[in-house]
C-alpha cells in the first residue's frame, strides 16, 4: 500500500477516546433554600442587577464600576487568554506546515561544492486515543470557567458597590442624628446653666450637661472621617481616584427599592458564578485524565516534505531539482519507569480535588443564601422593635426633662434618658442598613442576577 493511502485508514481508526467523558458532577442538592418564603411574583433570584438595584443613584454608581473597575478589566483579559489557549488546542486537529531554506558550501580536500535547498514540511497527528479531543474539551471547559470567574468578579463588584453605598447612606444618617442630638443638648446645657445662675441647679448638673454634649460632639468628626473613607472606598471600586460621592434619597427610599420576593428554587445555586466555575474546572480536570492516558500509547503521525535541492542556485526552481517524501510515523513509549501511569494517577487525583472543590462551593453557596434570607427576615423584626424603642425613649427623654424643670428629679435622669435615646436612634439606623445589606448578600449568594 502506498503511504498516501494510509490517511483514510488513519481517520477511520481515530475514534477511540480514552478517559471518562467530562460532565457536571452528580451532587444531591437540597430541594429548597432554607428560609425561603412562599412564591410571590417574579423570583428575586431571576432578576438582573438593574432590576434589583433600582435606585437611580446607586444604579449609576454600579454602571461606572462595571465600566472602569480594574479587577473586572483584568478578568476580561483572562478570558481572552483562555480563549486563545482554546484556539491553540483546536489547532492540533489540523495539519502543520513549516518551511526552510538553506545554502551551504561543502569543503573537501580537492575541491569545494555548493548546495541550495528550499523545503516544506507537512505533519499531521492522528487522534488515535482521543488525547487531542480531551485536550480541546479541557481547554473549552477552562474557557467557560474563566468566563464564570469573570461573572463572579462582576457579581462581587456590584454587591460591593451596593453595600458600600448603603454603608455611606447609613453614615449620613448617623451624622444627621449626631448633629440633631448636639443641637438638642446645647439647648439642655443652656437651660441647666440658666437654672444654676438662678440658684436652682448645681455646678454638678452643668458639668453633666457639658459631658452629655461632648459625647454627641465627639461622634461628629469620627463619623465624618468614616464618611470620607467610605467615599474613597467607593471611588476605588469605580476605578477612580479619591473624591466625593453624589447621594440619592434617604435610607427609607432606598429600602423601598430593595426587597426580596419568594420563590427561590435550589437550582438557582447552580447559576452562581463560583459554582459554575468550579463545575467547569472539574470537567477540565476530568478531560485531562484522557489526555494523560493517551500519552501512554503510541502516536501516529503522517509526515511529508517536499521542495527543491540543487548545487546551482540558478537551477534551484527547475523541475529536475524537485524532491518529496511522505509516510507515516509511529512513536511511543517503550519504557518510562511508570511515568505515564503516574501521570494518569495525578490527573485522577486532580479531578477528585476539583470535585471536592465543587462540592464545597455548593455547600458554601447554600449556607450564604440561607444566611442572607434569615438576615433579611430577622432584621425586619429588629427594625420593628427598634422603632418602638426609639419612640419610647423619646417619650422617656421628654418626661425626664419635664421632671427636671419641675424640680421633681435631678439632671441624672435626663442624662440617662438622653444617652439611651441617642444609642437607640443609632441602633435603628444600623438595623435599617443591615436589612438592605442582607438584600445585597442575597443577590450575590443567589447568583447575582443570572440573566
Protein backbone atom coordinates (compact mmCIF):
# COMPACT_ATOMS: atom_id res chain seq x y z
CA UNK A 1 0.00 0.00 0.00
CA UNK A 2 1.34 3.46 -0.87
CA UNK A 3 1.85 5.77 2.10
CA UNK A 4 -0.64 8.32 0.72
CA UNK A 5 -3.45 5.81 1.04
CA UNK A 6 -2.80 5.39 4.75
CA UNK A 7 -4.65 8.65 5.51
CA UNK A 8 -8.22 7.34 5.09
CA UNK A 9 -7.41 4.33 7.26
CA UNK A 10 -5.95 6.59 9.96
CA UNK A 11 -9.10 8.70 10.00
CA UNK A 12 -11.28 5.61 10.35
CA UNK A 13 -9.42 4.29 13.38
CA UNK A 14 -9.13 7.70 15.08
CA UNK A 15 -12.32 7.17 17.03
CA UNK A 16 -11.06 5.65 20.28
CA UNK A 17 -11.34 8.14 23.15
CA UNK A 18 -9.69 7.28 26.45
CA UNK A 19 -10.65 8.59 29.86
CA UNK A 20 -14.03 9.49 31.36
CA UNK A 21 -16.38 11.81 29.48
CA UNK A 22 -16.44 15.26 31.13
CA UNK A 23 -19.78 16.24 32.64
CA UNK A 24 -21.33 18.09 35.55
CA UNK A 25 -20.73 16.43 38.93
CA UNK A 26 -23.58 14.35 40.28
CA UNK A 27 -24.33 16.02 43.61
CA UNK A 28 -27.54 15.70 45.60
CA UNK A 29 -28.90 19.21 46.25
CA UNK A 30 -31.48 20.26 48.85
CA UNK A 31 -34.94 20.72 47.38
CA UNK A 32 -35.15 24.31 48.67
CA UNK A 33 -33.09 27.05 50.21
CA UNK A 34 -33.59 27.30 53.95
CA UNK A 35 -35.57 30.39 54.87
CA UNK A 36 -37.30 30.76 51.51
CA UNK A 37 -40.78 32.24 51.74
CA UNK A 38 -43.84 31.48 49.64
CA UNK A 39 -43.54 32.40 45.95
CA UNK A 40 -44.75 35.88 45.15
CA UNK A 41 -44.33 37.42 41.73
CA UNK A 42 -41.06 37.17 39.82
CA UNK A 43 -38.41 35.31 41.79
CA UNK A 44 -35.76 37.58 43.27
CA UNK A 45 -33.14 35.09 42.09
CA UNK A 46 -34.18 35.57 38.46
CA UNK A 47 -33.67 39.32 38.40
CA UNK A 48 -30.74 41.04 36.74
CA UNK A 49 -28.90 43.59 38.83
CA UNK A 50 -30.65 46.55 37.19
CA UNK A 51 -33.98 45.09 38.34
CA UNK A 52 -32.72 44.58 41.89
CA UNK A 53 -30.90 47.88 42.43
CA UNK A 54 -33.43 50.28 41.01
CA UNK A 55 -32.30 53.38 42.92
CA UNK A 56 -31.09 55.72 40.18
CA UNK A 57 -28.04 56.99 42.07
CA UNK A 58 -26.89 53.51 43.05
CA UNK A 59 -27.61 52.28 39.53
CA UNK A 60 -25.30 54.93 38.10
CA UNK A 61 -22.51 54.07 40.53
CA UNK A 62 -22.72 50.37 39.63
CA UNK A 63 -22.60 51.17 35.92
CA UNK A 64 -19.47 53.27 36.43
CA UNK A 65 -17.84 50.45 38.36
CA UNK A 66 -18.63 47.89 35.67
CA UNK A 67 -17.08 50.15 33.07
CA UNK A 68 -13.86 51.02 34.90
CA UNK A 69 -13.05 48.64 37.76
CA UNK A 70 -9.52 47.27 37.20
CA UNK A 71 -10.31 43.83 38.65
CA UNK A 72 -13.13 43.40 36.18
CA UNK A 73 -10.96 44.58 33.30
CA UNK A 74 -8.25 42.10 34.34
CA UNK A 75 -10.84 39.31 34.48
CA UNK A 76 -11.86 40.15 30.91
CA UNK A 77 -8.25 39.84 29.77
CA UNK A 78 -8.07 36.43 31.46
CA UNK A 79 -10.99 35.36 29.28
CA UNK A 80 -9.10 36.49 26.19
CA UNK A 81 -6.07 34.46 27.28
CA UNK A 82 -8.20 31.36 27.92
CA UNK A 83 -9.91 31.77 24.54
CA UNK A 84 -6.51 31.97 22.84
CA UNK A 85 -5.43 28.82 24.68
CA UNK A 86 -8.55 27.05 23.45
CA UNK A 87 -7.69 28.10 19.90
CA UNK A 88 -4.17 26.71 20.36
CA UNK A 89 -5.64 23.36 21.42
CA UNK A 90 -8.03 23.41 18.46
CA UNK A 91 -5.12 23.87 16.05
CA UNK A 92 -3.91 20.36 16.92
CA UNK A 93 -6.75 18.95 14.80
CA UNK A 94 -5.23 20.35 11.63
CA UNK A 95 -2.02 19.65 9.68
CA UNK A 96 1.00 21.80 10.33
CA UNK A 97 3.10 23.21 7.53
CA UNK A 98 6.63 24.52 8.10
CA UNK A 99 9.30 25.63 5.69
CA UNK A 100 13.04 26.14 5.50
CA UNK A 101 15.64 27.48 3.12
CA UNK A 102 19.33 26.72 3.29
CA UNK A 103 22.57 27.28 1.48
CA UNK A 104 25.90 25.58 2.22
CA UNK A 105 29.43 25.34 0.88
CA UNK A 106 30.91 21.87 1.27
CA UNK A 107 34.73 21.84 1.52
CA UNK A 108 36.74 18.79 0.52
CA UNK A 109 40.45 18.13 0.14
CA UNK A 110 40.48 18.58 -3.62
CA UNK A 111 37.56 20.90 -4.33
CA UNK A 112 34.56 22.65 -2.85
CA UNK A 113 30.91 22.42 -3.82
CA UNK A 114 27.79 24.39 -3.07
CA UNK A 115 24.25 23.19 -2.33
CA UNK A 116 20.94 25.03 -2.02
CA UNK A 117 17.64 23.84 -0.65
CA UNK A 118 14.05 25.05 -0.36
CA UNK A 119 11.88 22.64 1.63
CA UNK A 120 8.40 22.45 3.07
CA UNK A 121 7.46 20.13 5.95
CA UNK A 122 3.93 18.85 6.49
CA UNK A 123 2.86 16.92 9.59
CA UNK A 124 -0.48 15.75 10.97
CA UNK A 125 -1.10 13.69 14.08
CA UNK A 126 -4.00 11.27 14.13
CA UNK A 127 -6.04 11.42 17.30
CA UNK A 128 -5.84 7.64 17.82
CA UNK A 129 -6.70 7.67 21.53
CA UNK A 130 -8.69 10.87 21.86
CA UNK A 131 -5.92 12.86 23.53
CA UNK A 132 -6.45 15.85 21.22
CA UNK A 133 -10.18 15.71 21.74
CA UNK A 134 -9.81 15.56 25.51
CA UNK A 135 -7.33 18.43 25.46
CA UNK A 136 -9.81 20.51 23.47
CA UNK A 137 -12.55 19.64 25.94
CA UNK A 138 -10.29 20.70 28.81
CA UNK A 139 -9.41 23.99 27.10
CA UNK A 140 -13.07 24.69 26.38
CA UNK A 141 -14.02 23.97 30.00
CA UNK A 142 -11.22 26.22 31.23
CA UNK A 143 -12.53 28.99 28.98
CA UNK A 144 -16.04 28.60 30.40
CA UNK A 145 -14.61 28.54 33.92
CA UNK A 146 -12.76 31.79 33.21
CA UNK A 147 -15.96 33.38 31.90
CA UNK A 148 -17.79 32.28 35.05
CA UNK A 149 -14.98 33.68 37.18
CA UNK A 150 -15.35 36.98 35.36
CA UNK A 151 -19.10 36.88 36.08
CA UNK A 152 -18.20 36.23 39.71
CA UNK A 153 -15.98 39.30 39.77
CA UNK A 154 -18.84 41.32 38.31
CA UNK A 155 -21.35 39.99 40.82
CA UNK A 156 -18.99 40.68 43.71
CA UNK A 157 -18.29 44.15 42.34
CA UNK A 158 -21.99 45.00 42.07
CA UNK A 159 -22.54 43.74 45.61
CA UNK A 160 -19.50 45.63 46.92
CA UNK A 161 -20.65 48.93 45.40
CA UNK A 162 -24.19 48.45 46.69
CA UNK A 163 -23.01 47.52 50.19
CA UNK A 164 -20.57 50.44 50.33
CA UNK A 165 -23.28 52.86 49.19
CA UNK A 166 -25.65 51.53 51.85
CA UNK A 167 -22.89 51.99 54.43
CA UNK A 168 -22.38 55.54 53.20
CA UNK A 169 -26.08 56.35 53.50
CA UNK A 170 -26.07 54.84 56.99
CA UNK A 171 -23.14 57.04 57.97
CA UNK A 172 -25.00 60.05 56.60
CA UNK A 173 -27.96 59.16 58.79
CA UNK A 174 -25.77 58.62 61.84
CA UNK A 175 -24.17 62.03 61.20
CA UNK A 176 -27.60 63.66 60.98
CA UNK A 177 -28.64 62.00 64.25
CA UNK A 178 -25.45 63.21 65.92
CA UNK A 179 -25.89 66.78 64.73
CA UNK A 180 -29.53 66.81 65.77
CA UNK A 181 -28.58 65.46 69.18
CA UNK A 182 -25.84 68.08 69.58
CA UNK A 183 -28.31 70.89 68.94
CA UNK A 184 -30.74 69.39 71.43
CA UNK A 185 -28.06 69.02 74.09
CA UNK A 186 -26.84 72.56 73.54
CA UNK A 187 -30.34 73.68 74.45
CA UNK A 188 -30.26 71.48 77.53
CA UNK A 189 -26.89 72.93 78.57
CA UNK A 190 -28.23 76.48 78.21
CA UNK A 191 -31.24 75.52 80.33
CA UNK A 192 -29.14 73.95 83.09
CA UNK A 193 -26.69 76.88 83.05
CA UNK A 194 -29.54 79.37 83.40
CA UNK A 195 -31.01 77.36 86.26
CA UNK A 196 -27.63 77.28 88.00
CA UNK A 197 -27.23 81.03 87.57
CA UNK A 198 -30.66 81.36 89.11
CA UNK A 199 -29.64 79.24 92.05
CA UNK A 200 -31.84 76.29 91.15
CA UNK A 201 -29.31 73.85 89.63
CA UNK A 202 -25.78 73.00 90.71
CA UNK A 203 -22.36 73.01 89.06
CA UNK A 204 -22.54 69.22 89.03
CA UNK A 205 -25.61 69.27 86.81
CA UNK A 206 -23.95 71.79 84.49
CA UNK A 207 -20.92 69.51 84.26
CA UNK A 208 -23.20 66.57 83.47
CA UNK A 209 -24.87 68.57 80.69
CA UNK A 210 -21.48 69.57 79.28
CA UNK A 211 -20.33 65.93 79.31
CA UNK A 212 -23.53 64.86 77.57
CA UNK A 213 -22.95 67.48 74.87
CA UNK A 214 -19.32 66.46 74.37
CA UNK A 215 -20.36 62.83 73.99
CA UNK A 216 -22.50 63.73 70.99
CA UNK A 217 -19.99 66.21 69.57
CA UNK A 218 -17.22 63.58 69.52
CA UNK A 219 -19.27 61.38 67.18
CA UNK A 220 -19.45 64.09 64.51
CA UNK A 221 -15.77 64.23 63.41
CA UNK A 222 -15.48 60.45 63.87
CA UNK A 223 -18.45 59.91 61.56
CA UNK A 224 -17.18 62.49 59.07
CA UNK A 225 -13.87 60.65 58.95
CA UNK A 226 -15.69 57.37 58.27
CA UNK A 227 -17.76 59.05 55.53
CA UNK A 228 -14.66 60.31 53.73
CA UNK A 229 -13.05 56.86 53.94
CA UNK A 230 -16.22 55.21 52.61
CA UNK A 231 -16.40 57.68 49.72
CA UNK A 232 -12.80 56.89 48.83
CA UNK A 233 -13.60 53.17 49.02
CA UNK A 234 -16.47 53.59 46.57
CA UNK A 235 -14.33 55.66 44.22
CA UNK A 236 -11.72 52.87 44.26
CA UNK A 237 -14.42 50.36 43.31
CA UNK A 238 -15.34 52.67 40.45
CA UNK A 239 -11.74 52.60 39.26
CA UNK A 240 -11.36 56.29 40.12
CA UNK A 241 -9.24 58.44 42.42
CA UNK A 242 -10.42 59.53 45.89
CA UNK A 243 -13.24 62.05 45.93
CA UNK A 244 -16.81 62.72 46.93
CA UNK A 245 -19.84 60.62 46.04
CA UNK A 246 -23.18 62.03 44.95
CA UNK A 247 -26.05 60.88 47.17
CA UNK A 248 -29.57 59.92 46.25
CA UNK A 249 -32.56 59.68 48.57
CA UNK A 250 -32.69 58.57 52.19
CA UNK A 251 -32.40 55.05 53.54
CA UNK A 252 -36.19 54.91 53.50
CA UNK A 253 -36.32 55.48 49.75
CA UNK A 254 -33.51 53.00 49.20
CA UNK A 255 -35.32 50.44 51.34
CA UNK A 256 -38.42 50.68 49.17
CA UNK A 257 -36.28 49.84 46.13
CA UNK A 258 -34.53 46.86 47.73
CA UNK A 259 -36.63 43.88 48.75
CA UNK A 260 -36.63 40.12 48.40
CA UNK A 261 -39.53 38.21 46.94
CA UNK A 262 -40.00 34.49 47.47
CA UNK A 263 -39.83 31.58 45.08
CA UNK A 264 -36.15 30.69 45.23
CA UNK A 265 -35.58 27.18 43.82
CA UNK A 266 -32.36 25.46 44.80
CA UNK A 267 -31.43 25.29 41.12
CA UNK A 268 -30.51 28.98 41.42
CA UNK A 269 -27.38 27.93 43.28
CA UNK A 270 -26.03 26.19 40.16
CA UNK A 271 -26.14 29.56 38.40
CA UNK A 272 -23.75 31.16 40.87
CA UNK A 273 -20.58 32.11 39.00
CA UNK A 274 -18.28 30.45 41.54
CA UNK A 275 -20.30 27.21 41.46
CA UNK A 276 -20.39 27.28 37.66
CA UNK A 277 -16.64 27.92 37.53
CA UNK A 278 -16.00 25.01 39.92
CA UNK A 279 -18.17 22.81 37.70
CA UNK A 280 -16.17 23.71 34.59
CA UNK A 281 -12.86 23.27 36.43
CA UNK A 282 -13.96 19.77 37.40
CA UNK A 283 -14.83 18.99 33.77
CA UNK A 284 -11.46 20.33 32.62
CA UNK A 285 -9.66 18.17 35.18
CA UNK A 286 -11.71 15.14 34.10
CA UNK A 287 -10.77 15.69 30.46
CA UNK A 288 -7.10 15.83 31.42
CA UNK A 289 -7.35 12.21 32.59
CA UNK A 290 -7.94 11.21 28.97
CA UNK A 291 -5.01 13.36 27.86
CA UNK A 292 -2.74 11.60 30.35
CA UNK A 293 -3.96 8.16 29.33
CA UNK A 294 -3.43 8.91 25.64
CA UNK A 295 0.22 9.77 26.33
CA UNK A 296 0.81 6.17 27.44
CA UNK A 297 0.12 4.85 23.93
CA UNK A 298 1.90 5.28 20.59
CA UNK A 299 1.12 8.33 18.47
CA UNK A 300 0.67 8.05 14.71
CA UNK A 301 1.70 10.96 12.54
CA UNK A 302 1.60 11.44 8.80
CA UNK A 303 4.63 13.41 7.74
CA UNK A 304 5.87 14.66 4.43
CA UNK A 305 8.34 17.02 2.98
CA UNK A 306 8.93 18.39 -0.46
CA UNK A 307 10.94 21.07 -2.16
CA UNK A 308 13.93 21.76 -4.32
CA UNK A 309 17.60 20.79 -3.91
CA UNK A 310 20.33 21.92 -6.27
CA UNK A 311 24.06 22.51 -6.39
CA UNK A 312 23.43 25.54 -8.59
CA UNK A 313 21.30 28.38 -7.26
CA UNK A 314 20.14 29.30 -10.77
CA UNK A 315 18.67 25.80 -11.24
CA UNK A 316 17.05 25.58 -7.79
CA UNK A 317 13.49 26.03 -9.01
CA UNK A 318 13.83 23.75 -12.03
CA UNK A 319 11.55 20.71 -12.20
CA UNK A 320 14.54 18.40 -12.14
CA UNK A 321 15.53 19.80 -8.71
CA UNK A 322 12.24 18.79 -7.07
CA UNK A 323 12.08 16.09 -4.43
CA UNK A 324 9.47 14.90 -1.96
CA UNK A 325 8.76 12.19 0.57
CA UNK A 326 5.67 11.17 2.55
CA UNK A 327 4.90 8.45 5.04
CA UNK A 328 3.52 7.57 8.45
CA UNK A 329 5.48 7.70 11.67
CA UNK A 330 4.59 5.65 14.72
CA UNK A 331 6.25 6.60 18.00
CA UNK A 332 5.51 5.81 21.59
CA UNK A 333 6.98 4.97 24.97
CA UNK A 334 8.60 1.57 25.43
CA UNK A 335 9.89 2.00 28.95
CA UNK A 336 9.30 5.11 31.06
CA UNK A 337 9.70 3.68 34.57
CA UNK A 338 5.99 4.18 35.31
CA UNK A 339 5.92 7.89 34.42
CA UNK A 340 2.87 7.52 32.16
CA UNK A 341 0.91 5.59 34.75
CA UNK A 342 1.80 8.17 37.38
CA UNK A 343 0.61 10.99 35.10
CA UNK A 344 -2.78 9.29 34.93
CA UNK A 345 -2.91 8.91 38.71
CA UNK A 346 -2.01 12.56 39.15
CA UNK A 347 -4.74 13.62 36.71
CA UNK A 348 -7.27 11.45 38.52
CA UNK A 349 -6.27 12.97 41.86
CA UNK A 350 -6.64 16.49 40.46
CA UNK A 351 -10.11 15.60 39.18
CA UNK A 352 -11.11 14.35 42.63
CA UNK A 353 -9.71 17.51 44.14
CA UNK A 354 -11.79 19.58 41.70
CA UNK A 355 -14.87 17.55 42.61
CA UNK A 356 -14.29 18.29 46.29
CA UNK A 357 -13.85 22.00 45.49
CA UNK A 358 -17.14 21.94 43.59
CA UNK A 359 -18.97 20.27 46.47
CA UNK A 360 -17.53 22.81 48.90
CA UNK A 361 -18.60 25.69 46.64
CA UNK A 362 -22.16 24.33 46.56
CA UNK A 363 -22.29 23.95 50.33
CA UNK A 364 -20.99 27.46 50.89
CA UNK A 365 -23.49 28.79 48.37
CA UNK A 366 -26.44 27.22 50.19
CA UNK A 367 -25.11 28.49 53.52
CA UNK A 368 -24.69 32.05 52.26
CA UNK A 369 -28.12 32.03 50.64
CA UNK A 370 -29.78 30.74 53.81
CA UNK A 371 -27.88 33.23 55.99
CA UNK A 372 -28.84 36.19 53.81
CA UNK A 373 -32.52 35.22 53.74
CA UNK A 374 -32.53 34.74 57.50
CA UNK A 375 -30.78 38.08 58.00
CA UNK A 376 -33.35 39.80 55.79
CA UNK A 377 -36.26 38.35 57.76
CA UNK A 378 -34.79 38.88 61.23
CA UNK A 379 -33.54 42.40 60.61
CA UNK A 380 -37.09 43.28 59.65
CA UNK A 381 -38.22 42.13 63.08
CA UNK A 382 -35.35 44.02 64.72
CA UNK A 383 -36.31 47.23 62.90
CA UNK A 384 -39.89 46.94 64.10
CA UNK A 385 -38.81 46.59 67.73
CA UNK A 386 -36.09 49.24 67.40
CA UNK A 387 -38.65 51.70 66.07
CA UNK A 388 -40.82 51.08 69.13
CA UNK A 389 -37.77 51.52 71.35
CA UNK A 390 -36.90 54.91 69.83
CA UNK A 391 -40.48 56.09 70.27
CA UNK A 392 -40.42 55.01 73.91
CA UNK A 393 -37.04 56.60 74.58
CA UNK A 394 -38.20 59.90 73.10
CA UNK A 395 -41.14 59.85 75.47
CA UNK A 396 -38.89 59.00 78.42
CA UNK A 397 -36.48 61.78 77.49
CA UNK A 398 -39.30 64.32 77.30
CA UNK A 399 -40.75 63.24 80.66
CA UNK A 400 -37.29 63.29 82.31
CA UNK A 401 -36.68 66.83 81.08
CA UNK A 402 -40.12 67.96 82.30
CA UNK A 403 -39.47 66.41 85.70
CA UNK A 404 -36.10 68.12 85.91
CA UNK A 405 -37.59 71.51 85.00
CA UNK A 406 -40.32 71.00 87.57
CA UNK A 407 -37.77 70.16 90.25
CA UNK A 408 -39.09 66.61 90.69
CA UNK A 409 -35.78 64.96 89.80
CA UNK A 410 -32.11 65.65 89.25
CA UNK A 411 -30.43 66.07 85.89
CA UNK A 412 -29.15 62.49 86.19
CA UNK A 413 -32.48 61.19 84.88
CA UNK A 414 -32.20 63.47 81.85
CA UNK A 415 -28.62 62.33 81.35
CA UNK A 416 -29.57 58.64 81.29
CA UNK A 417 -32.62 59.21 79.09
CA UNK A 418 -30.65 61.24 76.53
CA UNK A 419 -27.92 58.62 76.34
CA UNK A 420 -30.40 55.82 75.82
CA UNK A 421 -32.26 57.76 73.14
CA UNK A 422 -29.06 58.57 71.25
CA UNK A 423 -27.96 54.91 71.30
CA UNK A 424 -31.43 53.70 70.26
CA UNK A 425 -31.53 56.06 67.27
CA UNK A 426 -28.10 54.97 66.08
CA UNK A 427 -29.01 51.30 66.53
CA UNK A 428 -32.18 51.78 64.49
CA UNK A 429 -30.18 53.35 61.66
CA UNK A 430 -27.75 50.40 61.74
CA UNK A 431 -30.60 47.88 61.69
CA UNK A 432 -32.14 49.52 58.63
CA UNK A 433 -28.83 49.41 56.78
CA UNK A 434 -28.27 45.79 57.88
CA UNK A 435 -31.56 44.83 56.25
CA UNK A 436 -30.51 46.46 53.00
CA UNK A 437 -27.13 44.73 53.12
CA UNK A 438 -28.98 41.42 53.57
CA UNK A 439 -30.72 42.09 50.25
CA UNK A 440 -27.35 42.70 48.61
CA UNK A 441 -25.91 39.50 50.06
CA UNK A 442 -28.96 37.56 48.90
CA UNK A 443 -28.44 38.96 45.40
CA UNK A 444 -24.82 37.79 45.42
CA UNK A 445 -25.48 34.42 47.07
CA UNK A 446 -28.21 33.55 44.56
CA UNK A 447 -26.01 34.12 41.55
CA UNK A 448 -26.18 37.85 41.05
CA UNK A 449 -28.99 38.08 38.54
CA UNK A 450 -28.12 35.15 36.33
CA UNK A 451 -29.87 36.61 33.29
